[in-house]
Protein backbone atom coordinates (compact mmCIF):
# COMPACT_ATOMS: atom_id res chain seq x y z
CA MET A 1 -183.35 12.01 -107.98
CA GLY A 2 -184.22 9.14 -105.64
CA ARG A 3 -182.20 6.00 -105.15
CA ILE A 4 -182.88 2.73 -106.90
CA ASP A 5 -184.48 0.17 -104.60
CA HIS A 6 -182.27 -2.89 -104.56
CA GLY A 7 -184.87 -4.89 -102.67
CA PRO A 8 -187.28 -7.38 -104.23
CA ALA A 9 -188.20 -6.55 -107.78
CA GLY A 10 -191.85 -6.64 -108.66
CA GLY A 11 -193.62 -7.95 -111.71
CA SER A 12 -192.79 -11.27 -113.28
CA GLU A 13 -189.58 -11.73 -111.32
CA GLY A 14 -191.56 -13.07 -108.37
CA GLY A 15 -189.51 -11.19 -105.80
CA GLN A 16 -186.00 -11.93 -107.11
CA ARG A 17 -183.63 -9.33 -105.72
CA ALA A 18 -182.30 -7.00 -108.39
CA GLY A 19 -178.74 -7.42 -107.25
CA ASP A 20 -178.87 -11.20 -107.32
CA ALA A 21 -177.38 -13.20 -110.13
CA ALA A 22 -179.79 -14.02 -112.90
CA PRO A 23 -180.22 -17.74 -113.59
CA THR A 24 -178.30 -18.91 -116.61
CA GLY A 25 -177.40 -22.24 -118.08
CA THR A 26 -174.36 -21.11 -120.03
CA SER A 27 -170.80 -20.21 -119.32
CA GLY A 28 -168.29 -18.25 -121.31
CA THR A 29 -165.80 -15.44 -121.40
CA THR A 30 -167.98 -12.44 -120.88
CA GLY A 31 -166.74 -11.12 -117.59
CA THR A 32 -170.36 -10.34 -116.70
CA ALA A 33 -172.10 -11.35 -113.51
CA GLY A 34 -175.39 -11.21 -111.66
CA THR A 35 -177.90 -9.47 -113.86
CA ALA A 36 -175.23 -9.28 -116.51
CA GLY A 37 -175.24 -12.98 -117.08
CA ALA A 38 -173.03 -15.92 -117.71
CA ALA A 39 -170.34 -17.49 -115.60
CA GLY A 40 -166.81 -17.27 -116.93
CA ALA A 41 -164.65 -19.99 -118.37
CA SER A 42 -161.69 -20.55 -120.68
CA GLY A 43 -159.40 -18.57 -118.40
CA THR A 44 -160.36 -15.34 -120.11
CA ALA A 45 -162.91 -13.84 -117.76
CA GLY A 46 -164.83 -15.03 -114.75
CA THR A 47 -168.03 -14.07 -112.99
CA ALA A 48 -170.12 -14.84 -109.98
CA GLY A 49 -172.98 -16.86 -111.42
CA ALA A 50 -176.31 -17.80 -109.87
CA GLY A 51 -174.94 -21.03 -108.53
CA GLY A 52 -172.04 -19.47 -106.62
CA ALA A 53 -168.70 -17.78 -107.03
CA VAL A 54 -166.49 -18.54 -110.00
CA ALA A 55 -162.80 -17.69 -109.94
CA ASP A 56 -161.94 -14.47 -111.73
CA ASP A 57 -158.34 -14.59 -112.92
CA THR A 58 -158.43 -11.51 -115.16
CA GLY A 59 -159.72 -8.78 -112.88
CA THR A 60 -163.15 -8.37 -114.49
CA ASP A 61 -164.83 -8.50 -111.08
CA THR A 62 -162.67 -5.50 -110.17
CA VAL A 63 -163.80 -3.72 -113.34
CA ARG A 64 -167.45 -4.34 -112.51
CA SER A 65 -166.98 -3.05 -108.99
CA ALA A 66 -165.13 0.01 -110.28
CA ALA A 67 -167.87 0.66 -112.84
CA ALA A 68 -170.53 0.38 -110.13
CA GLY A 69 -168.68 2.99 -108.09
CA TYR A 70 -168.24 5.18 -111.18
CA TRP A 71 -172.01 5.26 -111.80
CA GLU A 72 -172.79 5.62 -108.10
CA ARG A 73 -170.77 8.84 -108.06
CA ARG A 74 -172.91 10.13 -110.91
CA GLY A 75 -176.22 9.66 -109.16
CA MET A 76 -176.98 6.17 -110.46
CA PRO A 77 -176.78 3.69 -107.58
CA THR A 78 -175.35 0.47 -108.99
CA VAL A 79 -174.17 -2.89 -107.70
CA PRO A 80 -171.59 -5.00 -109.58
CA GLY A 81 -174.30 -7.50 -110.52
CA GLN A 82 -175.92 -4.86 -112.74
CA VAL A 83 -172.74 -4.43 -114.81
CA ALA A 84 -171.49 -6.21 -117.91
CA VAL A 85 -168.01 -5.66 -119.31
CA ALA A 86 -166.50 -6.40 -122.71
CA PRO A 87 -163.58 -5.33 -124.91
CA GLY A 88 -165.25 -2.10 -126.02
CA SER A 89 -168.61 -0.37 -125.99
CA SER A 90 -169.30 -1.25 -129.64
CA LEU A 91 -169.30 -4.94 -128.80
CA LEU A 92 -171.51 -4.26 -125.81
CA LEU A 93 -173.97 -2.36 -127.99
CA LEU A 94 -174.10 -5.33 -130.37
CA ALA A 95 -174.74 -7.69 -127.45
CA VAL A 96 -177.43 -5.45 -125.93
CA LEU A 97 -179.26 -5.17 -129.26
CA ALA A 98 -179.12 -8.94 -129.70
CA ALA A 99 -180.32 -9.45 -126.12
CA GLN A 100 -183.21 -7.05 -126.59
CA ALA A 101 -184.24 -8.91 -129.74
CA ALA A 102 -184.19 -12.24 -127.93
CA GLN A 103 -186.00 -10.86 -124.89
CA SER A 104 -188.77 -9.33 -126.97
CA GLY A 105 -189.21 -12.71 -128.67
CA GLU A 106 -189.44 -14.46 -125.33
CA ASP A 107 -191.97 -11.92 -124.05
CA GLU A 108 -194.12 -12.61 -127.10
CA GLU A 109 -193.82 -16.36 -126.63
CA ASP A 110 -194.69 -16.06 -122.94
CA GLU A 111 -197.88 -14.22 -123.83
CA GLN A 112 -198.75 -16.80 -126.49
CA ALA A 113 -198.13 -19.63 -124.01
CA GLY A 114 -200.36 -17.90 -121.46
CA GLU A 115 -203.14 -17.57 -123.99
CA ALA A 116 -202.79 -21.30 -124.79
CA GLY A 117 -203.36 -22.27 -121.18
CA GLY A 118 -200.10 -21.37 -119.49
CA ALA A 119 -197.90 -24.04 -121.07
CA LEU A 120 -194.38 -23.93 -119.68
CA ARG A 121 -191.32 -23.57 -121.87
CA THR A 122 -188.07 -25.40 -121.35
CA PRO A 123 -184.70 -23.71 -122.00
CA ALA A 124 -184.28 -25.92 -125.07
CA GLY A 125 -187.60 -24.65 -126.37
CA ARG A 126 -186.59 -21.01 -126.18
CA ARG A 127 -187.49 -19.16 -129.33
CA THR A 128 -185.92 -15.87 -130.31
CA VAL A 129 -187.16 -13.36 -132.81
CA PRO A 130 -184.44 -11.53 -134.78
CA GLY A 131 -185.06 -7.84 -135.08
CA PRO A 132 -188.38 -7.52 -133.18
CA GLY A 133 -188.35 -3.77 -133.69
CA ALA A 134 -186.49 -0.99 -135.38
CA VAL A 135 -183.41 0.76 -134.05
CA PHE A 136 -183.83 4.53 -133.99
CA LEU A 137 -180.78 6.78 -134.12
CA PRO A 138 -180.27 10.54 -133.98
CA ARG A 139 -179.02 12.06 -137.21
CA PRO A 140 -176.06 12.64 -137.12
CA CYS A 141 -174.58 10.11 -134.70
CA SER A 142 -171.57 7.87 -134.18
CA ARG A 143 -170.91 5.66 -137.18
CA ARG A 144 -170.76 2.50 -135.09
CA TYR A 145 -174.39 2.58 -133.94
CA ALA A 146 -175.90 1.74 -137.31
CA ARG A 147 -173.18 -0.81 -138.04
CA GLN A 148 -174.05 -2.87 -134.97
CA ALA A 149 -177.78 -2.74 -135.70
CA ARG A 150 -177.36 -3.76 -139.32
CA LEU A 151 -175.09 -6.64 -138.39
CA LEU A 152 -178.14 -8.08 -136.63
CA GLY A 153 -180.45 -7.41 -139.55
CA ARG A 154 -182.36 -4.72 -137.67
CA ALA A 155 -184.19 -1.97 -139.49
CA VAL A 156 -182.47 1.37 -138.82
CA HIS A 157 -184.32 4.68 -138.84
CA THR A 158 -182.44 7.94 -138.40
CA VAL A 159 -184.25 10.92 -136.91
CA PRO A 160 -183.01 14.53 -137.20
CA VAL A 161 -181.60 16.14 -134.07
CA PRO A 162 -183.19 19.31 -132.68
CA VAL A 163 -181.77 22.78 -133.19
CA GLU A 164 -180.42 22.96 -129.64
CA CYS A 165 -178.03 20.03 -129.70
CA GLY A 166 -177.00 16.70 -131.15
CA GLY A 167 -177.03 13.27 -129.55
CA VAL A 168 -180.82 12.84 -129.37
CA PRO A 169 -183.61 12.96 -131.92
CA ASP A 170 -186.16 15.74 -131.96
CA PRO A 171 -188.95 14.28 -129.77
CA PHE A 172 -191.77 15.07 -132.19
CA ALA A 173 -189.80 13.72 -135.14
CA LEU A 174 -189.13 10.58 -133.09
CA LEU A 175 -192.82 9.99 -132.51
CA GLU A 176 -193.50 10.36 -136.22
CA ALA A 177 -190.63 8.01 -137.10
CA VAL A 178 -191.92 5.33 -134.71
CA ARG A 179 -195.40 5.58 -136.18
CA ARG A 180 -194.06 5.29 -139.71
CA ALA A 181 -192.01 2.26 -138.67
CA ARG A 182 -195.11 0.62 -137.25
CA THR A 183 -196.94 1.24 -140.49
CA ARG A 184 -194.12 -0.58 -142.28
CA GLY A 185 -194.18 -3.38 -139.73
CA THR A 186 -190.70 -2.78 -138.26
CA ALA A 187 -191.86 -1.78 -134.76
CA GLY A 188 -194.44 -3.46 -132.56
CA ARG A 189 -197.63 -1.61 -131.74
CA PRO A 190 -198.62 -0.92 -128.14
CA GLY A 191 -200.91 -3.69 -126.97
CA GLU A 192 -199.58 -6.17 -129.56
CA PRO A 193 -196.80 -8.76 -129.17
CA GLY A 194 -193.58 -6.85 -129.06
CA GLY A 195 -195.41 -3.69 -127.99
CA ARG A 196 -194.75 -1.81 -124.80
CA GLU A 197 -196.97 -3.98 -122.57
CA GLN A 198 -194.67 -6.95 -123.30
CA GLY A 199 -191.45 -4.94 -123.21
CA PRO A 200 -189.63 -2.56 -125.53
CA SER A 201 -190.63 -3.00 -129.17
CA GLY A 202 -187.56 -1.24 -130.51
CA VAL A 203 -184.46 0.62 -129.40
CA LEU A 204 -183.39 4.25 -129.30
CA VAL A 205 -179.64 4.79 -129.06
CA LEU A 206 -178.69 8.25 -127.86
CA SER A 207 -175.72 10.15 -126.46
CA VAL A 208 -176.32 12.81 -123.81
CA ALA A 209 -172.74 14.02 -124.32
CA ASP A 210 -172.33 13.88 -128.07
CA ASP A 211 -168.82 13.77 -129.47
CA VAL A 212 -170.05 14.12 -133.06
CA THR A 213 -171.51 17.60 -132.54
CA GLY A 214 -169.65 18.49 -129.35
CA THR A 215 -172.90 19.24 -127.52
CA THR A 216 -174.84 18.14 -124.45
CA VAL A 217 -178.57 17.60 -124.19
CA PRO A 218 -180.48 20.13 -122.05
CA PRO A 219 -182.30 18.28 -119.24
CA GLU A 220 -185.73 19.55 -120.25
CA LEU A 221 -185.24 18.34 -123.82
CA LEU A 222 -183.90 14.99 -122.62
CA HIS A 223 -187.03 14.59 -120.52
CA GLU A 224 -189.21 15.06 -123.59
CA VAL A 225 -187.18 12.54 -125.58
CA CYS A 226 -187.20 9.98 -122.77
CA GLU A 227 -190.93 10.28 -122.24
CA ALA A 228 -191.63 9.98 -125.97
CA ALA A 229 -189.37 6.92 -126.33
CA ALA A 230 -190.67 5.18 -123.21
CA GLU A 231 -194.31 5.81 -124.07
CA GLU A 232 -193.73 4.25 -127.49
CA GLY A 233 -192.17 1.16 -125.93
CA LEU A 234 -188.54 1.78 -126.89
CA LEU A 235 -185.57 0.55 -124.91
CA LEU A 236 -183.18 3.47 -124.43
CA VAL A 237 -179.48 2.72 -124.81
CA SER A 238 -177.55 5.72 -123.53
CA ASP A 239 -173.94 5.95 -124.71
CA GLU A 240 -172.26 8.09 -122.05
CA THR A 241 -168.65 7.54 -123.07
CA TRP A 242 -168.02 11.29 -123.41
CA ARG A 243 -169.97 12.60 -120.40
CA ASP A 244 -166.78 13.39 -118.47
CA THR A 245 -165.27 15.60 -121.17
CA SER A 246 -167.14 18.82 -120.34
CA HIS A 247 -164.95 21.73 -121.39
CA ARG A 248 -166.40 23.87 -118.58
CA PRO A 249 -167.84 21.43 -116.03
CA HIS A 250 -169.35 24.13 -113.82
CA ASP A 251 -171.37 25.48 -116.76
CA THR A 252 -172.45 22.16 -118.28
CA VAL A 253 -175.14 19.84 -116.89
CA VAL A 254 -175.07 16.25 -118.13
CA VAL A 255 -178.01 14.09 -117.02
CA SER A 256 -178.43 10.40 -117.81
CA PRO A 257 -181.79 8.98 -118.94
CA ALA A 258 -181.32 6.48 -116.11
CA GLU A 259 -181.55 9.41 -113.69
CA MET A 260 -184.33 11.07 -115.65
CA LEU A 261 -186.64 8.02 -115.59
CA HIS A 262 -185.78 6.77 -112.12
CA GLY A 263 -188.92 6.16 -110.10
CA SER A 264 -191.18 6.29 -113.16
CA ALA A 265 -193.10 3.47 -114.79
CA HIS A 266 -190.32 3.32 -117.38
CA ALA A 267 -187.35 3.03 -115.01
CA ASP A 268 -186.47 -0.38 -116.48
CA ALA A 269 -186.17 0.99 -120.02
CA VAL A 270 -182.60 2.38 -119.88
CA VAL A 271 -179.27 0.65 -120.45
CA VAL A 272 -176.20 2.86 -119.96
CA LEU A 273 -172.94 2.28 -121.86
CA THR A 274 -169.48 3.74 -121.42
CA GLY A 275 -166.31 3.00 -123.36
CA LEU A 276 -162.62 3.18 -122.59
CA ASN A 277 -159.90 3.04 -125.24
CA PRO A 278 -156.53 4.61 -126.14
CA ALA A 279 -158.25 7.60 -127.80
CA GLY A 280 -160.96 8.05 -125.17
CA PRO A 281 -161.52 10.68 -122.48
CA VAL A 282 -159.08 8.83 -120.19
CA PRO A 283 -156.76 7.06 -122.61
CA LEU A 284 -155.94 3.43 -121.89
CA PRO A 285 -152.53 2.03 -122.89
CA PRO A 286 -152.12 1.22 -126.60
CA GLY A 287 -153.93 -2.00 -127.46
CA ALA A 288 -156.20 -1.89 -124.40
CA ALA A 289 -159.94 -1.37 -124.70
CA ALA A 290 -162.95 -1.96 -122.49
CA GLY A 291 -166.60 -1.09 -122.21
CA ALA A 292 -169.14 -1.35 -119.42
CA ALA A 293 -172.93 -1.56 -119.49
CA ARG A 294 -175.31 -0.80 -116.63
CA PHE A 295 -178.65 -2.59 -116.60
CA PRO A 296 -181.70 -1.48 -114.59
CA ALA A 297 -182.16 -2.96 -111.11
CA THR A 298 -185.45 -4.56 -112.15
CA GLY A 299 -186.65 -7.92 -113.36
CA ARG A 300 -186.60 -6.86 -116.99
CA GLY A 301 -183.15 -5.35 -116.54
CA ALA A 302 -181.94 -8.64 -115.08
CA ARG A 303 -183.31 -10.60 -118.04
CA ILE A 304 -181.75 -8.31 -120.67
CA GLY A 305 -178.50 -8.29 -118.74
CA ALA A 306 -178.45 -12.07 -118.55
CA ARG A 307 -179.07 -12.41 -122.28
CA THR A 308 -176.36 -9.84 -122.97
CA GLY A 309 -173.98 -12.00 -120.98
CA GLU A 310 -174.96 -15.05 -123.02
CA VAL A 311 -174.28 -13.19 -126.27
CA LEU A 312 -170.86 -12.04 -125.05
CA ALA A 313 -170.08 -15.57 -123.87
CA ALA A 314 -170.97 -16.99 -127.27
CA LEU A 315 -168.63 -14.46 -128.89
CA GLY A 316 -165.78 -15.24 -126.48
CA ALA A 317 -165.72 -11.56 -125.64
CA GLY A 318 -163.61 -11.41 -122.51
CA LEU A 319 -161.25 -8.72 -121.30
CA SER A 320 -157.53 -9.31 -121.33
CA ARG A 321 -155.76 -8.92 -118.00
CA ALA A 322 -154.05 -5.74 -119.22
CA SER A 323 -157.31 -4.18 -120.39
CA ALA A 324 -159.09 -5.15 -117.18
CA ALA A 325 -156.38 -3.62 -115.01
CA ALA A 326 -156.30 -0.39 -117.05
CA ALA A 327 -160.10 -0.10 -117.13
CA ALA A 328 -160.45 -0.68 -113.40
CA ALA A 329 -157.87 2.02 -112.69
CA ALA A 330 -159.60 4.49 -115.02
CA LEU A 331 -163.06 3.82 -113.57
CA ALA A 332 -161.78 4.08 -109.99
CA GLU A 333 -160.91 7.72 -110.80
CA SER A 334 -157.87 8.44 -108.68
CA ALA A 335 -156.90 12.07 -108.18
CA GLU A 336 -154.27 11.67 -110.91
CA VAL A 337 -156.83 10.27 -113.36
CA ARG A 338 -159.31 13.04 -112.60
CA GLU A 339 -156.74 15.78 -113.09
CA ARG A 340 -155.48 14.27 -116.32
CA ARG A 341 -159.03 13.97 -117.64
CA ALA A 342 -159.85 17.56 -116.63
CA ALA A 343 -156.68 18.89 -118.28
CA ALA A 344 -157.47 17.00 -121.49
CA ALA A 345 -161.02 18.36 -121.47
CA ARG A 346 -159.78 21.94 -121.02
CA LEU A 347 -157.31 21.49 -123.87
CA HIS A 348 -159.91 20.04 -126.24
CA GLY A 349 -162.31 22.76 -125.14
CA ALA A 350 -159.81 25.50 -126.03
CA ARG A 351 -159.24 23.91 -129.42
CA ALA A 352 -162.97 23.43 -130.01
CA ASP A 353 -163.68 27.06 -129.15
CA ALA A 354 -160.99 28.18 -131.60
CA LEU A 355 -162.42 25.96 -134.33
CA HIS A 356 -165.92 27.23 -133.60
CA ARG A 357 -164.76 30.83 -134.03
CA ALA A 358 -162.95 29.92 -137.23
CA VAL A 359 -165.91 28.20 -138.93
CA THR A 360 -168.46 30.82 -137.86
CA ALA A 361 -166.14 33.61 -139.05
CA ALA A 362 -166.10 31.86 -142.42
CA GLY A 363 -169.91 32.01 -142.52
CA ALA A 364 -170.86 28.51 -141.36
CA VAL A 365 -173.43 27.71 -138.69
CA CYS A 366 -172.10 25.71 -135.76
CA ARG A 367 -173.47 24.85 -132.33
CA PRO A 368 -171.15 26.05 -129.54
CA PRO A 369 -169.09 23.07 -128.35
CA HIS A 370 -169.35 21.90 -124.74
CA VAL A 371 -167.93 18.37 -124.71
CA GLY A 372 -165.78 16.01 -126.73
CA CYS A 373 -163.19 16.50 -129.41
CA GLY A 374 -164.82 18.21 -132.37
CA VAL A 375 -167.26 20.68 -133.85
CA TYR A 376 -169.99 20.04 -136.40
CA ALA A 377 -170.27 22.84 -138.94
CA ASP A 378 -173.09 23.50 -141.40
CA PHE A 379 -172.11 25.36 -144.59
CA GLU A 380 -175.60 25.23 -146.12
CA GLN A 381 -176.06 29.00 -146.17
CA LEU A 382 -172.86 29.21 -148.27
CA ARG A 383 -174.17 26.75 -150.84
CA SER A 384 -174.04 29.16 -153.78
CA ARG A 385 -170.43 30.08 -153.06
CA LEU A 386 -169.42 26.47 -152.65
CA ALA A 387 -171.31 25.45 -155.78
CA ALA A 388 -169.09 27.84 -157.74
CA ARG A 389 -166.23 25.55 -156.76
CA GLY A 390 -168.15 22.40 -157.63
CA ILE A 391 -168.97 21.57 -154.00
CA ARG A 392 -172.59 20.50 -153.76
CA ASP A 393 -172.66 17.80 -151.08
CA ALA A 394 -170.92 16.53 -147.96
CA PRO A 395 -168.47 14.18 -149.74
CA ALA A 396 -167.26 17.03 -151.96
CA LEU A 397 -166.96 19.37 -148.98
CA GLU A 398 -164.96 16.78 -147.08
CA ALA A 399 -162.70 16.17 -150.07
CA GLU A 400 -161.96 19.87 -150.53
CA LEU A 401 -161.12 20.37 -146.87
CA VAL A 402 -158.94 17.27 -146.89
CA ARG A 403 -157.07 18.63 -149.88
CA GLY A 404 -156.48 21.94 -148.16
CA LEU A 405 -155.53 20.57 -144.75
CA ALA A 406 -153.67 17.38 -145.62
CA GLY A 407 -150.02 17.24 -144.66
CA HIS A 408 -149.88 19.89 -141.96
CA ARG A 409 -149.87 17.29 -139.18
CA PRO A 410 -149.45 13.49 -138.90
CA PRO A 411 -152.48 11.14 -139.00
CA ARG A 412 -154.18 10.21 -135.74
CA ALA A 413 -156.81 7.73 -134.61
CA GLY A 414 -160.29 8.72 -135.79
CA ASP A 415 -158.98 10.89 -138.63
CA GLY A 416 -160.80 11.26 -141.88
CA PRO A 417 -159.33 10.54 -145.30
CA GLY A 418 -155.82 11.85 -145.73
CA GLY A 419 -155.22 12.05 -141.98
CA THR A 420 -156.81 15.48 -141.56
CA GLY A 421 -159.39 15.08 -138.80
CA VAL A 422 -162.14 16.05 -141.29
CA LEU A 423 -165.24 13.90 -141.83
CA GLY A 424 -168.28 14.80 -143.91
CA GLY A 425 -171.70 14.57 -142.31
CA HIS A 426 -172.61 11.63 -144.54
CA ARG A 427 -170.21 9.50 -142.50
CA PHE A 428 -172.42 10.05 -139.44
CA GLY A 429 -175.69 9.11 -141.12
CA ASP A 430 -176.51 12.71 -142.03
CA ASP A 431 -178.05 13.75 -145.33
CA PRO A 432 -175.22 13.38 -147.86
CA HIS A 433 -176.58 16.31 -149.85
CA ALA A 434 -176.32 18.65 -146.85
CA LEU A 435 -173.11 20.67 -146.56
CA ARG A 436 -172.08 19.54 -143.09
CA VAL A 437 -168.72 18.42 -141.79
CA ARG A 438 -167.09 17.49 -138.49
CA LEU A 439 -163.72 19.02 -137.66
CA ALA A 440 -161.65 17.31 -134.97
CA THR A 441 -159.96 19.41 -132.31
CA ASP A 442 -156.69 17.65 -133.10
CA LEU A 443 -156.56 19.82 -136.22
CA LEU A 444 -155.07 22.41 -133.89
CA ALA A 445 -152.57 20.08 -132.24
CA GLY A 446 -149.91 21.13 -134.72
CA ALA A 447 -147.28 18.97 -136.37
CA ARG A 448 -145.84 16.98 -133.48
CA GLY A 449 -144.16 14.26 -135.46
CA PRO A 450 -145.05 10.61 -136.13
CA GLY A 451 -144.75 9.60 -132.46
CA HIS A 452 -147.69 11.74 -131.33
CA THR A 453 -150.18 9.90 -129.13
CA PRO A 454 -152.74 11.05 -126.56
CA GLU A 455 -150.08 10.46 -123.91
CA THR A 456 -147.82 13.08 -125.55
CA GLU A 457 -150.41 15.84 -125.20
CA PRO A 458 -149.53 18.57 -122.69
CA ALA A 459 -149.68 17.03 -119.20
CA ALA A 460 -151.12 20.24 -117.76
CA PHE A 461 -153.42 22.80 -119.32
CA PRO A 462 -154.55 25.04 -116.46
CA GLU A 463 -157.71 27.10 -116.54
CA GLY A 464 -157.13 30.35 -118.38
CA ALA A 465 -154.12 29.00 -120.29
CA ASP A 466 -153.57 30.36 -123.81
CA LEU A 467 -153.95 27.69 -126.47
CA LEU A 468 -151.84 29.63 -128.93
CA GLU A 469 -148.82 29.45 -126.64
CA LEU A 470 -148.63 25.69 -127.19
CA PRO A 471 -146.11 24.56 -129.83
CA GLY A 472 -147.60 24.54 -133.32
CA ALA A 473 -151.09 25.65 -132.27
CA ALA A 474 -150.99 29.17 -133.74
CA GLN A 475 -149.62 27.88 -137.04
CA ALA A 476 -152.28 25.14 -137.19
CA LEU A 477 -155.10 27.60 -136.49
CA THR A 478 -153.81 29.99 -139.14
CA GLN A 479 -153.83 27.15 -141.67
CA VAL A 480 -157.41 26.18 -140.81
CA GLN A 481 -158.55 29.80 -141.08
CA SER A 482 -156.79 30.19 -144.42
CA VAL A 483 -158.35 27.03 -145.87
CA LEU A 484 -161.83 28.05 -144.69
CA ALA A 485 -161.46 31.57 -146.08
CA ASP A 486 -160.26 30.23 -149.41
CA LEU A 487 -163.12 27.73 -149.48
CA THR A 488 -165.88 30.27 -148.87
CA ASP A 489 -164.66 33.34 -150.75
CA GLY A 490 -166.98 32.63 -153.67
CA SER A 491 -164.31 32.22 -156.31
CA SER A 492 -164.36 29.34 -158.76
CA HIS A 493 -160.60 28.67 -158.72
């Protein structure tokens, strides 16, 4: 892939450099700068705004610089001015969706003003259009994506994932979903206000390393999805929180849409998100959380980044000093951080492989896991057996597994009902009538007592280590196998 040109941006920016701060008339607590928007205030977060440097007393400038280096090392050249930070990727997603809505409204107004003779708008006359297009999501996907979209009143359309993986919609199903949305009036048509000539008419949120299904997106499939989305005028928001959790890094290729579309006519159509929290790939201290967003080094990227900063400022969404320090250290990726992350990935990979063998031995269909902390199993071909036990949908399947697995280990963050690490597919936007369920790898952590946290996981899990030699792992796996065998034996109990 080529490098992003950080020289003068073309188009309507009139030669503004992509790395320069975007003009803004607001200030707030966003911790975003340059293309990411508003200058800081209130002693919570500071930025370098268009008018000059503003004191940063929380370390958010350091976080932005660390995030820029993080993406640079992954083939996405980035300057700190392209980065926004906030207390979590969910909040950033909300801000990006709101910014895209506002930007699409401004693009429409600009065209209308041009048609009326080029009348100029003043900042006070800015008009925004809520929900200028639908938000498209893969099915299944993280529960938080739809929540953020619906908070803004956006229409949400879920599109089934392909056979190969999760995290992205099937490209042909995506095209059909966009066309149906246009028929209903929830997505702009190409050539009309809100269509692709004026900017993205909707949003596709995807995850190239999908923690829900434990899979990565093959590059050739990602290319098809990116081309389909870009051609239909969709802004791509790529959640890459889990991209560094490959169980076998040398056998797994993770490519960002920002890399895939670099140098194309749609290079300005990708926003990249990553999140850091106590339960993430590199756990932050308890109570700390942060997220970072990377905007394209283009005029449109600068505008969306600036509006994202304004949204975060209005919400008072600044990083605490503790979160900023922890996030900067994680994103800087010291040798200690890299080794800890790799050991955690190997451990979760060993657990995921064991769970995959257990569910497929019981007769379920399950994609082989490559990343993240879970497997996504489909029991549809066992429907008749499960129906004999009164299990006909995802909620009932979840409830039965919770009943069987509850109590063999203490609850953990992200657990399903009863503290089991089991969540039915309906909780990820999947068809509630389908017999699908996600099983977390922590099911095989064993009973470690109420003080268990990510920090108490084994500090070292070398390549080739035997999972079953870890305390409690063999017993936990036996329990899971027993519950699955009992569930699928065809008896009515």
